[in-house]
């Protein structure tokens, strides 16, 4: 699945991804970013990920990685 990074709160080590067809943005944590450094991600970047529907606060993105052109 792919989406676009909407928000990054670097000091808190998490962000949110906008996904077409989903009503709510998906939360992601620095620990769930793979293949790239969390700090290299920017608002507007396209990322691929999987969804963990069992998160304690609802669905969350895992295995988040930047999609390169």
PDB file of N, CA and C in Angstrom:
ATOM      1  N   UNK A   1       0.850  -1.165   0.000  1.00  0.00           N
ATOM      2  CA  UNK A   1       0.000   0.000   0.000  1.00  0.00           C
ATOM      3  C   UNK A   1       0.900   1.234   0.000  1.00  0.00           C
ATOM      4  N   UNK A   2       0.435   2.323  -0.604  1.00  0.00           N
ATOM      5  CA  UNK A   2       1.220   3.554  -0.611  1.00  0.00           C
ATOM      6  C   UNK A   2       0.388   4.721  -0.101  1.00  0.00           C
ATOM      7  N   UNK A   3       1.094   5.750   0.336  1.00  0.00           N
ATOM      8  CA  UNK A   3       0.463   6.965   0.811  1.00  0.00           C
ATOM      9  C   UNK A   3       1.471   8.096   0.805  1.00  0.00           C
ATOM     10  N   UNK A   4       1.044   9.245   1.262  1.00  0.00           N
ATOM     11  CA  UNK A   4       1.895  10.437   1.287  1.00  0.00           C
ATOM     12  C   UNK A   4       2.010  10.933   2.718  1.00  0.00           C
ATOM     13  N   UNK A   5       3.242  11.242   3.118  1.00  0.00           N
ATOM     14  CA  UNK A   5       3.450  11.753   4.474  1.00  0.00           C
ATOM     15  C   UNK A   5       2.790  13.122   4.592  1.00  0.00           C
ATOM     16  N   UNK A   6       1.885  13.232   5.556  1.00  0.00           N
ATOM     17  CA  UNK A   6       1.149  14.478   5.788  1.00  0.00           C
ATOM     18  C   UNK A   6       1.813  15.309   6.878  1.00  0.00           C
ATOM     19  N   UNK A   7       2.261  14.632   7.937  1.00  0.00           N
ATOM     20  CA  UNK A   7       2.830  15.313   9.098  1.00  0.00           C
ATOM     21  C   UNK A   7       3.979  14.492   9.646  1.00  0.00           C
ATOM     22  N   UNK A   8       5.038  15.180  10.083  1.00  0.00           N
ATOM     23  CA  UNK A   8       6.123  14.522  10.814  1.00  0.00           C
ATOM     24  C   UNK A   8       6.409  15.355  12.056  1.00  0.00           C
ATOM     25  N   UNK A   9       6.393  14.704  13.197  1.00  0.00           N
ATOM     26  CA  UNK A   9       6.754  15.351  14.456  1.00  0.00           C
ATOM     27  C   UNK A   9       8.073  14.713  14.893  1.00  0.00           C
ATOM     28  N   UNK A  10       9.172  15.244  14.348  1.00  0.00           N
ATOM     29  CA  UNK A  10      10.493  14.637  14.546  1.00  0.00           C
ATOM     30  C   UNK A  10      10.869  14.550  16.017  1.00  0.00           C
ATOM     31  N   UNK A  11      10.518  15.572  16.795  1.00  0.00           N
ATOM     32  CA  UNK A  11      10.876  15.573  18.217  1.00  0.00           C
ATOM     33  C   UNK A  11      10.142  14.476  18.989  1.00  0.00           C
ATOM     34  N   UNK A  12       8.983  14.064  18.490  1.00  0.00           N
ATOM     35  CA  UNK A  12       8.214  13.005  19.153  1.00  0.00           C
ATOM     36  C   UNK A  12       8.384  11.655  18.457  1.00  0.00           C
ATOM     37  N   UNK A  13       9.115  11.649  17.342  1.00  0.00           N
ATOM     38  CA  UNK A  13       9.474  10.422  16.614  1.00  0.00           C
ATOM     39  C   UNK A  13       8.284   9.698  15.994  1.00  0.00           C
ATOM     40  N   UNK A  14       7.307  10.461  15.485  1.00  0.00           N
ATOM     41  CA  UNK A  14       6.201   9.839  14.760  1.00  0.00           C
ATOM     42  C   UNK A  14       5.634  10.796  13.726  1.00  0.00           C
ATOM     43  N   UNK A  15       4.739  10.271  12.910  1.00  0.00           N
ATOM     44  CA  UNK A  15       4.102  11.088  11.892  1.00  0.00           C
ATOM     45  C   UNK A  15       2.801  10.455  11.444  1.00  0.00           C
ATOM     46  N   UNK A  16       2.217  11.051  10.393  1.00  0.00           N
ATOM     47  CA  UNK A  16       0.957  10.560   9.849  1.00  0.00           C
ATOM     48  C   UNK A  16       1.037  10.494   8.330  1.00  0.00           C
ATOM     49  N   UNK A  17       0.400   9.472   7.777  1.00  0.00           N
ATOM     50  CA  UNK A  17       0.381   9.229   6.339  1.00  0.00           C
ATOM     51  C   UNK A  17      -1.056   9.348   5.843  1.00  0.00           C
ATOM     52  N   UNK A  18      -1.252  10.103   4.760  1.00  0.00           N
ATOM     53  CA  UNK A  18      -2.553  10.197   4.112  1.00  0.00           C
ATOM     54  C   UNK A  18      -2.648   9.084   3.081  1.00  0.00           C
ATOM     55  N   UNK A  19      -3.746   8.349   3.129  1.00  0.00           N
ATOM     56  CA  UNK A  19      -3.961   7.227   2.217  1.00  0.00           C
ATOM     57  C   UNK A  19      -5.274   7.444   1.478  1.00  0.00           C
ATOM     58  N   UNK A  20      -5.213   7.426   0.158  1.00  0.00           N
ATOM     59  CA  UNK A  20      -6.430   7.587  -0.636  1.00  0.00           C
ATOM     60  C   UNK A  20      -7.404   6.460  -0.313  1.00  0.00           C
ATOM     61  N   UNK A  21      -8.652   6.833  -0.071  1.00  0.00           N
ATOM     62  CA  UNK A  21      -9.675   5.841   0.226  1.00  0.00           C
ATOM     63  C   UNK A  21      -9.861   5.559   1.710  1.00  0.00           C
ATOM     64  N   UNK A  22      -8.985   6.116   2.554  1.00  0.00           N
ATOM     65  CA  UNK A  22      -9.142   5.943   4.010  1.00  0.00           C
ATOM     66  C   UNK A  22      -9.591   7.264   4.602  1.00  0.00           C
ATOM     67  N   UNK A  23     -10.549   7.196   5.477  1.00  0.00           N
ATOM     68  CA  UNK A  23     -11.095   8.407   6.088  1.00  0.00           C
ATOM     69  C   UNK A  23     -10.081   9.092   6.998  1.00  0.00           C
ATOM     70  N   UNK A  24      -9.338   8.292   7.776  1.00  0.00           N
ATOM     71  CA  UNK A  24      -8.384   8.855   8.735  1.00  0.00           C
ATOM     72  C   UNK A  24      -6.953   8.607   8.278  1.00  0.00           C
ATOM     73  N   UNK A  25      -6.073   9.554   8.617  1.00  0.00           N
ATOM     74  CA  UNK A  25      -4.650   9.372   8.345  1.00  0.00           C
ATOM     75  C   UNK A  25      -4.116   8.251   9.225  1.00  0.00           C
ATOM     76  N   UNK A  26      -3.044   7.608   8.759  1.00  0.00           N
ATOM     77  CA  UNK A  26      -2.437   6.515   9.514  1.00  0.00           C
ATOM     78  C   UNK A  26      -1.242   7.008  10.310  1.00  0.00           C
ATOM     79  N   UNK A  27      -1.196   6.640  11.559  1.00  0.00           N
ATOM     80  CA  UNK A  27      -0.070   6.919  12.442  1.00  0.00           C
ATOM     81  C   UNK A  27       1.100   6.022  12.049  1.00  0.00           C
ATOM     82  N   UNK A  28       2.337   6.543  12.144  1.00  0.00           N
ATOM     83  CA  UNK A  28       3.516   5.682  12.058  1.00  0.00           C
ATOM     84  C   UNK A  28       4.570   6.174  13.033  1.00  0.00           C
ATOM     85  N   UNK A  29       5.337   5.241  13.583  1.00  0.00           N
ATOM     86  CA  UNK A  29       6.383   5.551  14.549  1.00  0.00           C
ATOM     87  C   UNK A  29       7.748   5.328  13.916  1.00  0.00           C
ATOM     88  N   UNK A  30       8.725   6.066  14.388  1.00  0.00           N
ATOM     89  CA  UNK A  30      10.100   5.953  13.896  1.00  0.00           C
ATOM     90  C   UNK A  30      10.577   4.500  13.865  1.00  0.00           C
ATOM     91  N   UNK A  31      10.210   3.722  14.867  1.00  0.00           N
ATOM     92  CA  UNK A  31      10.659   2.330  14.958  1.00  0.00           C
ATOM     93  C   UNK A  31      10.096   1.455  13.843  1.00  0.00           C
ATOM     94  N   UNK A  32       9.072   1.918  13.136  1.00  0.00           N
ATOM     95  CA  UNK A  32       8.440   1.123  12.073  1.00  0.00           C
ATOM     96  C   UNK A  32       8.903   1.535  10.676  1.00  0.00           C
ATOM     97  N   UNK A  33       9.923   2.412  10.612  1.00  0.00           N
ATOM     98  CA  UNK A  33      10.496   2.838   9.333  1.00  0.00           C
ATOM     99  C   UNK A  33      11.647   1.898   8.995  1.00  0.00           C
ATOM    100  N   UNK A  34      11.680   1.389   7.761  1.00  0.00           N
ATOM    101  CA  UNK A  34      12.733   0.466   7.334  1.00  0.00           C
ATOM    102  C   UNK A  34      13.369   0.949   6.029  1.00  0.00           C
ATOM    103  N   UNK A  35      14.662   0.674   5.878  1.00  0.00           N
ATOM    104  CA  UNK A  35      15.351   0.972   4.626  1.00  0.00           C
ATOM    105  C   UNK A  35      15.811   2.401   4.464  1.00  0.00           C
ATOM    106  N   UNK A  36      15.301   3.301   5.278  1.00  0.00           N
ATOM    107  CA  UNK A  36      15.710   4.709   5.258  1.00  0.00           C
ATOM    108  C   UNK A  36      15.725   5.216   6.699  1.00  0.00           C
ATOM    109  N   UNK A  37      16.416   6.310   6.911  1.00  0.00           N
ATOM    110  CA  UNK A  37      16.416   6.939   8.231  1.00  0.00           C
ATOM    111  C   UNK A  37      15.124   7.740   8.401  1.00  0.00           C
ATOM    112  N   UNK A  38      14.518   7.634   9.565  1.00  0.00           N
ATOM    113  CA  UNK A  38      13.305   8.404   9.869  1.00  0.00           C
ATOM    114  C   UNK A  38      13.541   9.887   9.590  1.00  0.00           C
ATOM    115  N   UNK A  39      14.724  10.365   9.968  1.00  0.00           N
ATOM    116  CA  UNK A  39      15.045  11.785   9.824  1.00  0.00           C
ATOM    117  C   UNK A  39      15.106  12.233   8.364  1.00  0.00           C
ATOM    118  N   UNK A  40      15.242  11.296   7.425  1.00  0.00           N
ATOM    119  CA  UNK A  40      15.315  11.665   6.005  1.00  0.00           C
ATOM    120  C   UNK A  40      13.928  11.814   5.375  1.00  0.00           C
ATOM    121  N   UNK A  41      12.891  11.365   6.064  1.00  0.00           N
ATOM    122  CA  UNK A  41      11.531  11.482   5.534  1.00  0.00           C
ATOM    123  C   UNK A  41      11.030  12.917   5.663  1.00  0.00           C
ATOM    124  N   UNK A  42      10.292  13.361   4.642  1.00  0.00           N
ATOM    125  CA  UNK A  42       9.781  14.726   4.633  1.00  0.00           C
ATOM    126  C   UNK A  42       8.299  14.731   4.273  1.00  0.00           C
ATOM    127  N   UNK A  43       7.599  15.766   4.715  1.00  0.00           N
ATOM    128  CA  UNK A  43       6.198  15.947   4.340  1.00  0.00           C
ATOM    129  C   UNK A  43       6.122  15.968   2.812  1.00  0.00           C
ATOM    130  N   UNK A  44       5.186  15.210   2.258  1.00  0.00           N
ATOM    131  CA  UNK A  44       5.023  15.137   0.812  1.00  0.00           C
ATOM    132  C   UNK A  44       5.670  13.923   0.179  1.00  0.00           C
ATOM    133  N   UNK A  45       6.557  13.230   0.923  1.00  0.00           N
ATOM    134  CA  UNK A  45       7.187  12.016   0.398  1.00  0.00           C
ATOM    135  C   UNK A  45       6.145  10.917   0.224  1.00  0.00           C
ATOM    136  N   UNK A  46       6.287  10.151  -0.847  1.00  0.00           N
ATOM    137  CA  UNK A  46       5.463   8.960  -1.040  1.00  0.00           C
ATOM    138  C   UNK A  46       6.148   7.799  -0.343  1.00  0.00           C
ATOM    139  N   UNK A  47       5.386   7.048   0.421  1.00  0.00           N
ATOM    140  CA  UNK A  47       5.926   5.907   1.158  1.00  0.00           C
ATOM    141  C   UNK A  47       5.073   4.670   0.902  1.00  0.00           C
ATOM    142  N   UNK A  48       5.706   3.510   1.029  1.00  0.00           N
ATOM    143  CA  UNK A  48       4.953   2.258   0.995  1.00  0.00           C
ATOM    144  C   UNK A  48       4.967   1.688   2.404  1.00  0.00           C
ATOM    145  N   UNK A  49       3.973   0.882   2.716  1.00  0.00           N
ATOM    146  CA  UNK A  49       3.827   0.384   4.083  1.00  0.00           C
ATOM    147  C   UNK A  49       2.786  -0.720   4.119  1.00  0.00           C
ATOM    148  N   UNK A  50       2.699  -1.360   5.268  1.00  0.00           N
ATOM    149  CA  UNK A  50       1.631  -2.308   5.568  1.00  0.00           C
ATOM    150  C   UNK A  50       0.820  -1.697   6.703  1.00  0.00           C
ATOM    151  N   UNK A  51      -0.385  -2.189   6.899  1.00  0.00           N
ATOM    152  CA  UNK A  51      -1.227  -1.672   7.980  1.00  0.00           C
ATOM    153  C   UNK A  51      -1.373  -2.722   9.066  1.00  0.00           C
ATOM    154  N   UNK A  52      -1.078  -2.305  10.298  1.00  0.00           N
ATOM    155  CA  UNK A  52      -1.315  -3.143  11.477  1.00  0.00           C
ATOM    156  C   UNK A  52      -2.653  -2.698  12.061  1.00  0.00           C
ATOM    157  N   UNK A  53      -3.665  -3.509  11.880  1.00  0.00           N
ATOM    158  CA  UNK A  53      -5.016  -3.161  12.350  1.00  0.00           C
ATOM    159  C   UNK A  53      -5.181  -3.381  13.851  1.00  0.00           C
ATOM    160  N   UNK A  54      -4.179  -3.964  14.506  1.00  0.00           N
ATOM    161  CA  UNK A  54      -4.310  -4.331  15.918  1.00  0.00           C
ATOM    162  C   UNK A  54      -3.593  -3.375  16.862  1.00  0.00           C
ATOM    163  N   UNK A  55      -3.186  -2.198  16.380  1.00  0.00           N
ATOM    164  CA  UNK A  55      -2.483  -1.250  17.234  1.00  0.00           C
ATOM    165  C   UNK A  55      -3.322  -0.822  18.425  1.00  0.00           C
ATOM    166  N   UNK A  56      -2.677  -0.436  19.531  1.00  0.00           N
ATOM    167  CA  UNK A  56      -3.403  -0.059  20.743  1.00  0.00           C
ATOM    168  C   UNK A  56      -4.307   1.163  20.565  1.00  0.00           C
ATOM    169  N   UNK A  57      -3.973   2.018  19.592  1.00  0.00           N
ATOM    170  CA  UNK A  57      -4.786   3.213  19.351  1.00  0.00           C
ATOM    171  C   UNK A  57      -5.428   3.173  17.971  1.00  0.00           C
ATOM    172  N   UNK A  58      -5.594   1.964  17.437  1.00  0.00           N
ATOM    173  CA  UNK A  58      -6.193   1.822  16.118  1.00  0.00           C
ATOM    174  C   UNK A  58      -5.155   1.473  15.067  1.00  0.00           C
ATOM    175  N   UNK A  59      -5.571   1.460  13.803  1.00  0.00           N
ATOM    176  CA  UNK A  59      -4.662   1.078  12.724  1.00  0.00           C
ATOM    177  C   UNK A  59      -3.423   1.975  12.673  1.00  0.00           C
ATOM    178  N   UNK A  60      -2.283   1.361  12.345  1.00  0.00           N
ATOM    179  CA  UNK A  60      -1.026   2.093  12.235  1.00  0.00           C
ATOM    180  C   UNK A  60      -0.219   1.526  11.073  1.00  0.00           C
ATOM    181  N   UNK A  61       0.622   2.362  10.482  1.00  0.00           N
ATOM    182  CA  UNK A  61       1.487   1.922   9.390  1.00  0.00           C
ATOM    183  C   UNK A  61       2.742   1.273   9.965  1.00  0.00           C
ATOM    184  N   UNK A  62       3.141   0.145   9.367  1.00  0.00           N
ATOM    185  CA  UNK A  62       4.377  -0.539   9.747  1.00  0.00           C
ATOM    186  C   UNK A  62       5.170  -0.825   8.473  1.00  0.00           C
ATOM    187  N   UNK A  63       6.450  -1.151   8.650  1.00  0.00           N
ATOM    188  CA  UNK A  63       7.331  -1.412   7.501  1.00  0.00           C
ATOM    189  C   UNK A  63       7.272  -0.256   6.504  1.00  0.00           C
ATOM    190  N   UNK A  64       7.363   0.962   7.035  1.00  0.00           N
ATOM    191  CA  UNK A  64       7.275   2.176   6.225  1.00  0.00           C
ATOM    192  C   UNK A  64       8.608   2.409   5.522  1.00  0.00           C
ATOM    193  N   UNK A  65       8.571   2.586   4.217  1.00  0.00           N
ATOM    194  CA  UNK A  65       9.782   2.891   3.461  1.00  0.00           C
ATOM    195  C   UNK A  65       9.469   3.900   2.365  1.00  0.00           C
ATOM    196  N   UNK A  66      10.454   4.721   2.033  1.00  0.00           N
ATOM    197  CA  UNK A  66      10.273   5.765   1.027  1.00  0.00           C
ATOM    198  C   UNK A  66      10.248   5.149  -0.367  1.00  0.00           C
ATOM    199  N   UNK A  67       9.322   5.616  -1.191  1.00  0.00           N
ATOM    200  CA  UNK A  67       9.237   5.184  -2.582  1.00  0.00           C
ATOM    201  C   UNK A  67      10.082   6.146  -3.402  1.00  0.00           C
ATOM    202  N   UNK A  68      11.060   5.594  -4.125  1.00  0.00           N
ATOM    203  CA  UNK A  68      11.917   6.443  -4.952  1.00  0.00           C
ATOM    204  C   UNK A  68      11.444   6.407  -6.393  1.00  0.00           C
ATOM    205  N   UNK A  69      11.588   7.539  -7.052  1.00  0.00           N
ATOM    206  CA  UNK A  69      11.110   7.652  -8.444  1.00  0.00           C
ATOM    207  C   UNK A  69      12.008   6.912  -9.399  1.00  0.00           C
TER     208      UNK A  69
END
